[in-house]
């Protein structure tokens, strides 16, 4: 269990921040860009939870928020050994597999897509789409990090699958896709 006795430490006042192994990097390092965008995505999911609390999608999003904290811990742990242990928190394939099962379950009952859709339709759907876009940004940051240092393949799979999950979830909370707003190509020419 994490225990935070003091919120400020002053150790970052010089423009660096610490990693799980005790090493420090500049706050503008690509690793912190990835960790920060994962945190933003988690916050966007929290915004969606405001309107989905107490529902099955809300319970699923709470699970996702916990996984995103795991992801942040994984990204904050440098190295090439991605095996989880009691002392090292790493993403594992089962987390992506859960998302794939959820995607398949939702896709089986929502209306099939007949067009690209615009984010919106309902407040809940719009909030989930904001989270989806934030997750895509986190995925880009993680992919950029992976060009510089090793990144856990299970973490990269998870963030990619998560945006797909949020897309189908946004359609699900839009009355199974009935309230989706369809894109009209060139509709305003």
N, C-alpha and C. Protein backbone atom coordinates (compact mmCIF):
# COMPACT_ATOMS: atom_id res chain seq x y z
N UNK A 1 0.85 -1.18 0.00
CA UNK A 1 0.00 0.00 0.00
C UNK A 1 0.89 1.24 0.00
N UNK A 2 0.52 2.21 -0.79
CA UNK A 2 1.26 3.46 -0.86
C UNK A 2 0.80 4.37 0.27
N UNK A 3 1.75 5.00 0.93
CA UNK A 3 1.43 5.95 1.99
C UNK A 3 2.18 7.25 1.68
N UNK A 4 1.42 8.32 1.53
CA UNK A 4 2.01 9.63 1.23
C UNK A 4 1.84 10.53 2.44
N UNK A 5 2.92 10.73 3.15
CA UNK A 5 2.88 11.59 4.34
C UNK A 5 3.03 13.06 3.99
N UNK A 6 3.75 13.31 2.90
CA UNK A 6 4.02 14.69 2.52
C UNK A 6 3.86 14.80 1.01
N UNK A 7 3.09 15.75 0.55
CA UNK A 7 2.82 15.88 -0.87
C UNK A 7 3.99 16.56 -1.58
N UNK A 8 4.57 17.55 -1.00
CA UNK A 8 5.70 18.21 -1.67
C UNK A 8 7.00 17.73 -1.06
N UNK A 9 8.00 17.59 -1.93
CA UNK A 9 9.31 17.10 -1.47
C UNK A 9 10.43 18.09 -1.78
N UNK A 10 10.18 18.99 -2.71
CA UNK A 10 11.17 19.97 -3.19
C UNK A 10 12.25 19.33 -4.05
N UNK A 11 12.22 18.02 -4.23
CA UNK A 11 13.28 17.37 -5.01
C UNK A 11 13.16 17.69 -6.50
N UNK A 12 12.01 18.11 -6.94
CA UNK A 12 11.83 18.44 -8.36
C UNK A 12 12.00 19.91 -8.69
N UNK A 13 12.35 20.70 -7.70
CA UNK A 13 12.47 22.14 -7.93
C UNK A 13 13.55 22.49 -8.96
N UNK A 14 14.51 21.61 -9.13
CA UNK A 14 15.59 21.87 -10.09
C UNK A 14 15.28 21.38 -11.49
N UNK A 15 14.05 20.92 -11.73
CA UNK A 15 13.66 20.52 -13.08
C UNK A 15 13.85 19.04 -13.38
N UNK A 16 14.06 18.24 -12.35
CA UNK A 16 14.15 16.80 -12.56
C UNK A 16 13.07 16.10 -11.75
N UNK A 17 12.84 14.85 -12.09
CA UNK A 17 11.88 14.05 -11.35
C UNK A 17 12.44 12.63 -11.24
N UNK A 18 12.00 11.91 -10.22
CA UNK A 18 12.54 10.59 -9.94
C UNK A 18 11.75 9.46 -10.55
N UNK A 19 12.46 8.38 -10.82
CA UNK A 19 11.86 7.15 -11.32
C UNK A 19 11.85 6.11 -10.21
N UNK A 20 11.20 5.00 -10.46
CA UNK A 20 11.04 3.95 -9.45
C UNK A 20 12.40 3.46 -8.95
N UNK A 21 13.40 3.39 -9.83
CA UNK A 21 14.71 2.88 -9.42
C UNK A 21 15.58 3.91 -8.70
N UNK A 22 15.04 5.11 -8.48
CA UNK A 22 15.78 6.16 -7.79
C UNK A 22 16.53 7.09 -8.71
N UNK A 23 16.64 6.75 -9.98
CA UNK A 23 17.31 7.64 -10.92
C UNK A 23 16.44 8.86 -11.19
N UNK A 24 17.06 9.92 -11.70
CA UNK A 24 16.35 11.17 -11.97
C UNK A 24 16.57 11.55 -13.42
N UNK A 25 15.52 12.12 -14.02
CA UNK A 25 15.58 12.60 -15.40
C UNK A 25 14.99 14.00 -15.45
N UNK A 26 15.34 14.77 -16.49
CA UNK A 26 14.68 16.08 -16.65
C UNK A 26 13.17 15.90 -16.81
N UNK A 27 12.42 16.81 -16.27
CA UNK A 27 10.96 16.70 -16.34
C UNK A 27 10.43 16.73 -17.77
N UNK A 28 11.24 17.26 -18.69
CA UNK A 28 10.81 17.30 -20.09
C UNK A 28 11.21 16.03 -20.86
N UNK A 29 11.80 15.06 -20.19
CA UNK A 29 12.19 13.81 -20.82
C UNK A 29 10.96 13.10 -21.40
N UNK A 30 11.16 12.41 -22.51
CA UNK A 30 10.05 11.71 -23.18
C UNK A 30 9.37 10.70 -22.25
N UNK A 31 10.11 10.14 -21.30
CA UNK A 31 9.50 9.20 -20.35
C UNK A 31 8.42 9.90 -19.53
N UNK A 32 8.71 11.13 -19.08
CA UNK A 32 7.71 11.86 -18.29
C UNK A 32 6.58 12.38 -19.17
N UNK A 33 6.86 12.62 -20.43
CA UNK A 33 5.78 12.97 -21.36
C UNK A 33 4.79 11.81 -21.45
N UNK A 34 5.31 10.60 -21.57
CA UNK A 34 4.44 9.43 -21.64
C UNK A 34 3.68 9.22 -20.34
N UNK A 35 4.37 9.32 -19.21
CA UNK A 35 3.71 9.14 -17.91
C UNK A 35 2.64 10.21 -17.72
N UNK A 36 2.95 11.44 -18.08
CA UNK A 36 2.00 12.54 -17.91
C UNK A 36 0.78 12.40 -18.80
N UNK A 37 0.95 11.93 -20.03
CA UNK A 37 -0.22 11.79 -20.90
C UNK A 37 -1.09 10.62 -20.46
N UNK A 38 -0.49 9.59 -19.88
CA UNK A 38 -1.29 8.51 -19.29
C UNK A 38 -2.11 9.06 -18.13
N UNK A 39 -1.50 9.92 -17.33
CA UNK A 39 -2.21 10.56 -16.22
C UNK A 39 -3.37 11.43 -16.74
N UNK A 40 -3.13 12.18 -17.82
CA UNK A 40 -4.21 12.99 -18.41
C UNK A 40 -5.34 12.10 -18.89
N UNK A 41 -5.00 10.99 -19.52
CA UNK A 41 -6.03 10.07 -20.00
C UNK A 41 -6.84 9.53 -18.83
N UNK A 42 -6.16 9.21 -17.74
CA UNK A 42 -6.85 8.71 -16.56
C UNK A 42 -7.79 9.78 -16.00
N UNK A 43 -7.36 11.03 -16.02
CA UNK A 43 -8.22 12.12 -15.55
C UNK A 43 -9.43 12.29 -16.46
N UNK A 44 -9.24 12.14 -17.76
CA UNK A 44 -10.37 12.24 -18.70
C UNK A 44 -11.37 11.11 -18.44
N UNK A 45 -10.87 9.93 -18.12
CA UNK A 45 -11.76 8.82 -17.78
C UNK A 45 -12.53 9.15 -16.50
N UNK A 46 -11.86 9.79 -15.56
CA UNK A 46 -12.54 10.23 -14.33
C UNK A 46 -13.68 11.18 -14.64
N UNK A 47 -13.49 12.05 -15.63
CA UNK A 47 -14.55 12.96 -16.05
C UNK A 47 -15.74 12.19 -16.62
N UNK A 48 -15.46 11.14 -17.39
CA UNK A 48 -16.54 10.31 -17.91
C UNK A 48 -17.26 9.58 -16.78
N UNK A 49 -16.51 9.19 -15.77
CA UNK A 49 -17.10 8.47 -14.64
C UNK A 49 -18.12 9.31 -13.87
N UNK A 50 -17.99 10.62 -13.94
CA UNK A 50 -18.93 11.49 -13.24
C UNK A 50 -20.36 11.20 -13.70
N UNK A 51 -20.53 10.93 -14.98
CA UNK A 51 -21.88 10.67 -15.49
C UNK A 51 -22.19 9.18 -15.62
N UNK A 52 -21.18 8.32 -15.43
CA UNK A 52 -21.41 6.88 -15.58
C UNK A 52 -21.28 6.11 -14.26
N UNK A 53 -21.10 6.82 -13.15
CA UNK A 53 -20.95 6.17 -11.85
C UNK A 53 -22.16 5.30 -11.55
N UNK A 54 -21.90 4.12 -11.01
CA UNK A 54 -22.98 3.22 -10.62
C UNK A 54 -23.53 2.36 -11.75
N UNK A 55 -22.97 2.52 -12.95
CA UNK A 55 -23.40 1.70 -14.09
C UNK A 55 -22.33 0.67 -14.40
N UNK A 56 -22.66 -0.29 -15.23
CA UNK A 56 -21.65 -1.28 -15.64
C UNK A 56 -20.49 -0.60 -16.38
N UNK A 57 -20.76 0.33 -17.34
CA UNK A 57 -19.63 1.02 -17.95
C UNK A 57 -18.78 1.78 -16.92
N UNK A 58 -19.42 2.32 -15.91
CA UNK A 58 -18.67 3.02 -14.87
C UNK A 58 -17.77 2.08 -14.09
N UNK A 59 -18.26 0.90 -13.78
CA UNK A 59 -17.44 -0.08 -13.07
C UNK A 59 -16.25 -0.51 -13.93
N UNK A 60 -16.50 -0.67 -15.21
CA UNK A 60 -15.41 -1.03 -16.12
C UNK A 60 -14.38 0.09 -16.19
N UNK A 61 -14.83 1.33 -16.23
CA UNK A 61 -13.89 2.45 -16.29
C UNK A 61 -13.07 2.57 -15.02
N UNK A 62 -13.65 2.22 -13.88
CA UNK A 62 -12.87 2.22 -12.65
C UNK A 62 -11.75 1.18 -12.72
N UNK A 63 -12.05 0.04 -13.31
CA UNK A 63 -11.01 -0.97 -13.52
C UNK A 63 -9.91 -0.41 -14.41
N UNK A 64 -10.31 0.27 -15.48
CA UNK A 64 -9.35 0.87 -16.41
C UNK A 64 -8.48 1.90 -15.69
N UNK A 65 -9.09 2.71 -14.83
CA UNK A 65 -8.30 3.70 -14.09
C UNK A 65 -7.22 3.03 -13.25
N UNK A 66 -7.54 1.92 -12.62
CA UNK A 66 -6.53 1.19 -11.86
C UNK A 66 -5.43 0.66 -12.78
N UNK A 67 -5.82 0.14 -13.94
CA UNK A 67 -4.83 -0.33 -14.90
C UNK A 67 -3.92 0.81 -15.37
N UNK A 68 -4.48 2.00 -15.53
CA UNK A 68 -3.67 3.13 -15.97
C UNK A 68 -2.65 3.54 -14.91
N UNK A 69 -2.99 3.37 -13.64
CA UNK A 69 -1.99 3.61 -12.59
C UNK A 69 -0.88 2.56 -12.69
N UNK A 70 -1.26 1.30 -12.96
CA UNK A 70 -0.26 0.26 -13.20
C UNK A 70 0.64 0.66 -14.38
N UNK A 71 0.02 1.16 -15.44
CA UNK A 71 0.77 1.56 -16.62
C UNK A 71 1.75 2.68 -16.29
N UNK A 72 1.31 3.66 -15.52
CA UNK A 72 2.21 4.74 -15.12
C UNK A 72 3.39 4.21 -14.33
N UNK A 73 3.14 3.26 -13.43
CA UNK A 73 4.23 2.65 -12.65
C UNK A 73 5.18 1.89 -13.56
N UNK A 74 4.63 1.19 -14.54
CA UNK A 74 5.46 0.46 -15.50
C UNK A 74 6.36 1.44 -16.25
N UNK A 75 5.79 2.52 -16.75
CA UNK A 75 6.58 3.51 -17.50
C UNK A 75 7.64 4.17 -16.63
N UNK A 76 7.37 4.27 -15.34
CA UNK A 76 8.31 4.91 -14.41
C UNK A 76 9.40 3.96 -13.93
N UNK A 77 9.38 2.74 -14.45
CA UNK A 77 10.37 1.73 -14.06
C UNK A 77 11.27 1.43 -15.26
N UNK A 78 12.45 2.04 -15.32
CA UNK A 78 13.33 1.79 -16.47
C UNK A 78 13.88 0.37 -16.45
N UNK A 79 14.36 -0.06 -17.61
CA UNK A 79 14.97 -1.38 -17.72
C UNK A 79 14.38 -2.17 -18.86
N UNK A 80 14.95 -3.34 -19.06
CA UNK A 80 14.52 -4.21 -20.15
C UNK A 80 13.85 -5.48 -19.65
N UNK A 81 13.78 -5.67 -18.35
CA UNK A 81 13.12 -6.83 -17.78
C UNK A 81 11.68 -6.43 -17.46
N UNK A 82 10.75 -6.96 -18.24
CA UNK A 82 9.35 -6.57 -18.09
C UNK A 82 8.53 -7.59 -17.32
N UNK A 83 9.21 -8.50 -16.66
CA UNK A 83 8.51 -9.49 -15.84
C UNK A 83 8.05 -8.83 -14.55
N UNK A 84 6.77 -8.98 -14.22
CA UNK A 84 6.29 -8.42 -12.96
C UNK A 84 6.82 -9.23 -11.78
N UNK A 85 6.92 -8.58 -10.66
CA UNK A 85 7.32 -9.27 -9.44
C UNK A 85 6.63 -8.58 -8.27
N UNK A 86 6.90 -9.06 -7.08
CA UNK A 86 6.30 -8.44 -5.90
C UNK A 86 6.78 -7.00 -5.73
N UNK A 87 7.98 -6.71 -6.21
CA UNK A 87 8.57 -5.38 -6.04
C UNK A 87 8.47 -4.51 -7.30
N UNK A 88 8.16 -5.13 -8.44
CA UNK A 88 8.12 -4.38 -9.71
C UNK A 88 6.75 -4.55 -10.36
N UNK A 89 6.06 -3.45 -10.57
CA UNK A 89 4.74 -3.48 -11.18
C UNK A 89 4.89 -3.32 -12.70
N UNK A 90 4.48 -4.30 -13.43
CA UNK A 90 4.52 -4.28 -14.89
C UNK A 90 3.15 -4.64 -15.45
N UNK A 91 2.85 -4.10 -16.61
CA UNK A 91 1.64 -4.49 -17.32
C UNK A 91 1.81 -5.92 -17.81
N UNK A 92 0.71 -6.65 -17.87
CA UNK A 92 0.75 -8.04 -18.32
C UNK A 92 -0.29 -8.24 -19.42
N UNK A 93 -0.09 -9.22 -20.29
CA UNK A 93 -1.03 -9.44 -21.40
C UNK A 93 -2.49 -9.61 -20.95
N UNK A 94 -2.73 -10.15 -19.77
CA UNK A 94 -4.12 -10.37 -19.31
C UNK A 94 -4.90 -9.06 -19.25
N UNK A 95 -4.22 -7.95 -19.02
CA UNK A 95 -4.93 -6.66 -18.96
C UNK A 95 -5.46 -6.27 -20.34
N UNK A 96 -4.68 -6.50 -21.38
CA UNK A 96 -5.15 -6.24 -22.75
C UNK A 96 -6.22 -7.25 -23.15
N UNK A 97 -6.04 -8.49 -22.72
CA UNK A 97 -7.03 -9.52 -23.04
C UNK A 97 -8.39 -9.18 -22.45
N UNK A 98 -8.42 -8.61 -21.24
CA UNK A 98 -9.69 -8.19 -20.64
C UNK A 98 -10.35 -7.14 -21.53
N UNK A 99 -9.55 -6.19 -22.03
CA UNK A 99 -10.11 -5.16 -22.92
C UNK A 99 -10.66 -5.79 -24.20
N UNK A 100 -9.94 -6.75 -24.77
CA UNK A 100 -10.42 -7.40 -25.99
C UNK A 100 -11.75 -8.11 -25.76
N UNK A 101 -11.88 -8.78 -24.63
CA UNK A 101 -13.15 -9.45 -24.30
C UNK A 101 -14.27 -8.42 -24.16
N UNK A 102 -13.96 -7.31 -23.48
CA UNK A 102 -14.97 -6.26 -23.31
C UNK A 102 -15.37 -5.66 -24.66
N UNK A 103 -14.39 -5.43 -25.54
CA UNK A 103 -14.68 -4.90 -26.88
C UNK A 103 -15.60 -5.87 -27.63
N UNK A 104 -15.26 -7.15 -27.61
CA UNK A 104 -16.08 -8.15 -28.31
C UNK A 104 -17.49 -8.22 -27.75
N UNK A 105 -17.61 -8.13 -26.44
CA UNK A 105 -18.93 -8.18 -25.79
C UNK A 105 -19.78 -6.98 -26.22
N UNK A 106 -19.19 -5.80 -26.19
CA UNK A 106 -19.94 -4.59 -26.57
C UNK A 106 -20.29 -4.62 -28.06
N UNK A 107 -19.32 -4.98 -28.89
CA UNK A 107 -19.52 -4.98 -30.34
C UNK A 107 -20.64 -5.93 -30.75
N UNK A 108 -20.84 -6.99 -29.99
CA UNK A 108 -21.87 -7.98 -30.33
C UNK A 108 -23.28 -7.40 -30.24
N UNK A 109 -23.49 -6.35 -29.45
CA UNK A 109 -24.86 -5.86 -29.29
C UNK A 109 -25.09 -4.42 -29.77
N UNK A 110 -24.05 -3.66 -30.07
CA UNK A 110 -24.30 -2.30 -30.57
C UNK A 110 -24.59 -2.34 -32.07
N UNK A 111 -25.23 -1.29 -32.55
CA UNK A 111 -25.54 -1.19 -33.97
C UNK A 111 -24.24 -1.21 -34.79
N UNK A 112 -24.24 -1.91 -35.92
CA UNK A 112 -23.04 -1.91 -36.76
C UNK A 112 -22.78 -0.51 -37.32
N UNK A 113 -21.52 -0.22 -37.54
CA UNK A 113 -21.15 1.08 -38.12
C UNK A 113 -21.53 1.13 -39.59
N UNK A 114 -22.12 2.23 -40.00
CA UNK A 114 -22.44 2.44 -41.42
C UNK A 114 -21.72 3.66 -41.96
N UNK A 115 -21.02 4.37 -41.06
CA UNK A 115 -20.30 5.59 -41.42
C UNK A 115 -19.32 5.87 -40.30
N UNK A 116 -18.37 6.75 -40.57
CA UNK A 116 -17.58 7.27 -39.46
C UNK A 116 -18.51 8.09 -38.58
N UNK A 117 -18.18 8.18 -37.30
CA UNK A 117 -19.04 8.96 -36.41
C UNK A 117 -18.26 10.12 -35.83
N UNK A 118 -19.01 11.15 -35.44
CA UNK A 118 -18.43 12.32 -34.79
C UNK A 118 -18.55 12.14 -33.28
N UNK A 119 -17.59 12.61 -32.52
CA UNK A 119 -17.69 12.49 -31.06
C UNK A 119 -18.90 13.25 -30.54
N UNK A 120 -19.73 12.60 -29.79
CA UNK A 120 -20.90 13.28 -29.23
C UNK A 120 -22.11 12.37 -29.22
N UNK A 121 -23.27 12.99 -29.29
CA UNK A 121 -24.52 12.25 -29.25
C UNK A 121 -25.18 12.34 -27.89
N UNK A 122 -24.40 12.09 -26.85
CA UNK A 122 -24.86 12.25 -25.48
C UNK A 122 -23.68 12.76 -24.66
N UNK A 123 -23.97 13.29 -23.49
CA UNK A 123 -22.89 13.79 -22.64
C UNK A 123 -21.92 12.66 -22.27
N UNK A 124 -22.46 11.51 -21.90
CA UNK A 124 -21.60 10.40 -21.52
C UNK A 124 -20.70 9.98 -22.67
N UNK A 125 -21.27 9.87 -23.86
CA UNK A 125 -20.49 9.48 -25.02
C UNK A 125 -19.41 10.52 -25.33
N UNK A 126 -19.76 11.79 -25.27
CA UNK A 126 -18.78 12.84 -25.54
C UNK A 126 -17.62 12.78 -24.55
N UNK A 127 -17.93 12.52 -23.30
CA UNK A 127 -16.86 12.43 -22.29
C UNK A 127 -15.97 11.21 -22.54
N UNK A 128 -16.56 10.10 -22.95
CA UNK A 128 -15.76 8.92 -23.26
C UNK A 128 -14.89 9.18 -24.49
N UNK A 129 -15.43 9.91 -25.47
CA UNK A 129 -14.62 10.26 -26.65
C UNK A 129 -13.45 11.17 -26.27
N UNK A 130 -13.64 12.08 -25.33
CA UNK A 130 -12.52 12.91 -24.86
C UNK A 130 -11.45 12.00 -24.25
N UNK A 131 -11.87 11.03 -23.47
CA UNK A 131 -10.92 10.09 -22.88
C UNK A 131 -10.21 9.28 -23.97
N UNK A 132 -10.96 8.87 -24.99
CA UNK A 132 -10.36 8.11 -26.11
C UNK A 132 -9.28 8.93 -26.80
N UNK A 133 -9.55 10.21 -27.05
CA UNK A 133 -8.56 11.06 -27.70
C UNK A 133 -7.33 11.25 -26.81
N UNK A 134 -7.54 11.36 -25.50
CA UNK A 134 -6.42 11.49 -24.57
C UNK A 134 -5.58 10.20 -24.55
N UNK A 135 -6.25 9.06 -24.63
CA UNK A 135 -5.54 7.78 -24.68
C UNK A 135 -4.72 7.70 -25.96
N UNK A 136 -5.26 8.16 -27.07
CA UNK A 136 -4.49 8.17 -28.33
C UNK A 136 -3.23 9.02 -28.18
N UNK A 137 -3.34 10.16 -27.52
CA UNK A 137 -2.18 11.02 -27.29
C UNK A 137 -1.15 10.29 -26.42
N UNK A 138 -1.63 9.58 -25.41
CA UNK A 138 -0.72 8.80 -24.56
C UNK A 138 -0.04 7.70 -25.38
N UNK A 139 -0.77 7.10 -26.27
CA UNK A 139 -0.19 6.06 -27.12
C UNK A 139 0.92 6.65 -28.00
N UNK A 140 0.70 7.84 -28.54
CA UNK A 140 1.75 8.48 -29.35
C UNK A 140 2.98 8.78 -28.50
N UNK A 141 2.77 9.25 -27.28
CA UNK A 141 3.89 9.55 -26.39
C UNK A 141 4.65 8.28 -26.03
N UNK A 142 3.93 7.19 -25.80
CA UNK A 142 4.59 5.93 -25.47
C UNK A 142 5.34 5.38 -26.68
N UNK A 143 4.77 5.52 -27.86
CA UNK A 143 5.47 5.05 -29.07
C UNK A 143 6.74 5.87 -29.29
N UNK A 144 6.68 7.17 -29.03
CA UNK A 144 7.88 8.00 -29.15
C UNK A 144 8.93 7.57 -28.13
N UNK A 145 8.51 7.28 -26.91
CA UNK A 145 9.44 6.80 -25.89
C UNK A 145 10.09 5.50 -26.33
N UNK A 146 9.31 4.62 -26.95
CA UNK A 146 9.83 3.32 -27.38
C UNK A 146 10.90 3.44 -28.45
N UNK A 147 11.00 4.58 -29.13
CA UNK A 147 12.08 4.77 -30.10
C UNK A 147 13.39 5.13 -29.40
N UNK A 148 13.30 5.49 -28.11
CA UNK A 148 14.48 5.91 -27.35
C UNK A 148 14.96 4.86 -26.35
N UNK A 149 14.03 4.22 -25.68
CA UNK A 149 14.35 3.24 -24.63
C UNK A 149 13.38 2.07 -24.74
N UNK A 150 13.73 0.91 -24.17
CA UNK A 150 12.78 -0.21 -24.19
C UNK A 150 11.51 0.12 -23.40
N UNK A 151 10.37 -0.23 -23.99
CA UNK A 151 9.06 -0.07 -23.34
C UNK A 151 8.39 -1.44 -23.36
N UNK A 152 7.78 -1.78 -22.27
CA UNK A 152 7.09 -3.06 -22.12
C UNK A 152 6.10 -3.27 -23.26
N UNK A 153 6.26 -4.32 -24.07
CA UNK A 153 5.30 -4.59 -25.15
C UNK A 153 3.87 -4.73 -24.64
N UNK A 154 3.68 -5.28 -23.45
CA UNK A 154 2.33 -5.41 -22.89
C UNK A 154 1.73 -4.04 -22.60
N UNK A 155 2.56 -3.06 -22.25
CA UNK A 155 2.08 -1.70 -22.01
C UNK A 155 1.64 -1.06 -23.32
N UNK A 156 2.43 -1.26 -24.37
CA UNK A 156 2.07 -0.70 -25.68
C UNK A 156 0.79 -1.33 -26.21
N UNK A 157 0.63 -2.63 -26.04
CA UNK A 157 -0.61 -3.30 -26.47
C UNK A 157 -1.80 -2.77 -25.70
N UNK A 158 -1.63 -2.60 -24.38
CA UNK A 158 -2.74 -2.14 -23.55
C UNK A 158 -3.24 -0.77 -24.00
N UNK A 159 -2.34 0.17 -24.19
CA UNK A 159 -2.77 1.53 -24.53
C UNK A 159 -3.43 1.56 -25.91
N UNK A 160 -2.95 0.73 -26.82
CA UNK A 160 -3.57 0.65 -28.14
C UNK A 160 -4.97 0.07 -28.04
N UNK A 161 -5.11 -1.00 -27.28
CA UNK A 161 -6.41 -1.64 -27.13
C UNK A 161 -7.39 -0.76 -26.37
N UNK A 162 -6.87 0.04 -25.44
CA UNK A 162 -7.75 0.88 -24.63
C UNK A 162 -8.50 1.90 -25.48
N UNK A 163 -7.84 2.49 -26.47
CA UNK A 163 -8.56 3.46 -27.30
C UNK A 163 -9.67 2.78 -28.09
N UNK A 164 -9.43 1.55 -28.53
CA UNK A 164 -10.50 0.79 -29.22
C UNK A 164 -11.66 0.53 -28.27
N UNK A 165 -11.33 0.14 -27.05
CA UNK A 165 -12.37 -0.10 -26.05
C UNK A 165 -13.20 1.16 -25.81
N UNK A 166 -12.52 2.29 -25.65
CA UNK A 166 -13.25 3.53 -25.38
C UNK A 166 -14.12 3.94 -26.57
N UNK A 167 -13.68 3.62 -27.78
CA UNK A 167 -14.50 3.92 -28.95
C UNK A 167 -15.81 3.14 -28.91
N UNK A 168 -15.73 1.83 -28.68
CA UNK A 168 -16.97 1.05 -28.65
C UNK A 168 -17.81 1.38 -27.42
N UNK A 169 -17.14 1.72 -26.31
CA UNK A 169 -17.90 2.12 -25.11
C UNK A 169 -18.66 3.41 -25.36
N UNK A 170 -18.04 4.36 -26.05
CA UNK A 170 -18.73 5.62 -26.38
C UNK A 170 -19.98 5.34 -27.21
N UNK A 171 -19.89 4.40 -28.11
CA UNK A 171 -21.06 4.03 -28.91
C UNK A 171 -22.09 3.32 -28.04
N UNK A 172 -21.63 2.48 -27.12
CA UNK A 172 -22.56 1.75 -26.26
C UNK A 172 -23.37 2.71 -25.39
N UNK A 173 -22.72 3.72 -24.82
CA UNK A 173 -23.45 4.65 -23.96
C UNK A 173 -24.25 5.66 -24.77
N UNK A 174 -24.11 5.61 -26.07
CA UNK A 174 -24.94 6.39 -26.97
C UNK A 174 -26.13 5.53 -27.43
N UNK A 175 -26.73 4.85 -26.48
CA UNK A 175 -27.88 3.98 -26.73
C UNK A 175 -27.53 2.93 -27.78
N UNK A 176 -26.38 2.28 -27.58
CA UNK A 176 -25.98 1.20 -28.48
C UNK A 176 -25.64 1.67 -29.88
N UNK A 177 -25.34 2.94 -30.02
CA UNK A 177 -25.01 3.51 -31.32
C UNK A 177 -26.18 4.20 -31.99
N UNK A 178 -27.39 4.08 -31.41
CA UNK A 178 -28.57 4.72 -32.02
C UNK A 178 -28.46 6.24 -32.01
N UNK A 179 -27.74 6.79 -31.03
CA UNK A 179 -27.61 8.25 -30.96
C UNK A 179 -26.27 8.75 -31.49
N UNK A 180 -25.52 7.90 -32.19
CA UNK A 180 -24.28 8.34 -32.80
C UNK A 180 -24.55 9.46 -33.82
N UNK A 181 -23.63 10.36 -33.89
CA UNK A 181 -23.73 11.44 -34.89
C UNK A 181 -22.86 11.04 -36.07
N UNK A 182 -23.47 10.85 -37.21
CA UNK A 182 -22.75 10.37 -38.37
C UNK A 182 -22.02 11.50 -39.08
N UNK A 183 -20.83 11.20 -39.55
CA UNK A 183 -20.05 12.15 -40.35
C UNK A 183 -20.66 12.20 -41.75
N UNK A 184 -20.86 13.40 -42.27
CA UNK A 184 -21.34 13.60 -43.62
C UNK A 184 -20.18 14.18 -44.41
N UNK A 185 -19.46 13.36 -45.17
CA UNK A 185 -18.29 13.84 -45.89
C UNK A 185 -18.66 14.99 -46.84
N UNK A 186 -17.96 16.09 -46.72
CA UNK A 186 -18.21 17.24 -47.58
C UNK A 186 -19.56 17.87 -47.37
N UNK A 187 -20.21 17.60 -46.25
CA UNK A 187 -21.57 18.06 -46.01
C UNK A 187 -21.73 19.56 -45.91
N UNK A 188 -20.65 20.29 -45.74
CA UNK A 188 -20.75 21.75 -45.59
C UNK A 188 -20.10 22.51 -46.73
N UNK A 189 -19.92 21.87 -47.86
CA UNK A 189 -19.31 22.54 -49.01
C UNK A 189 -20.29 23.48 -49.66
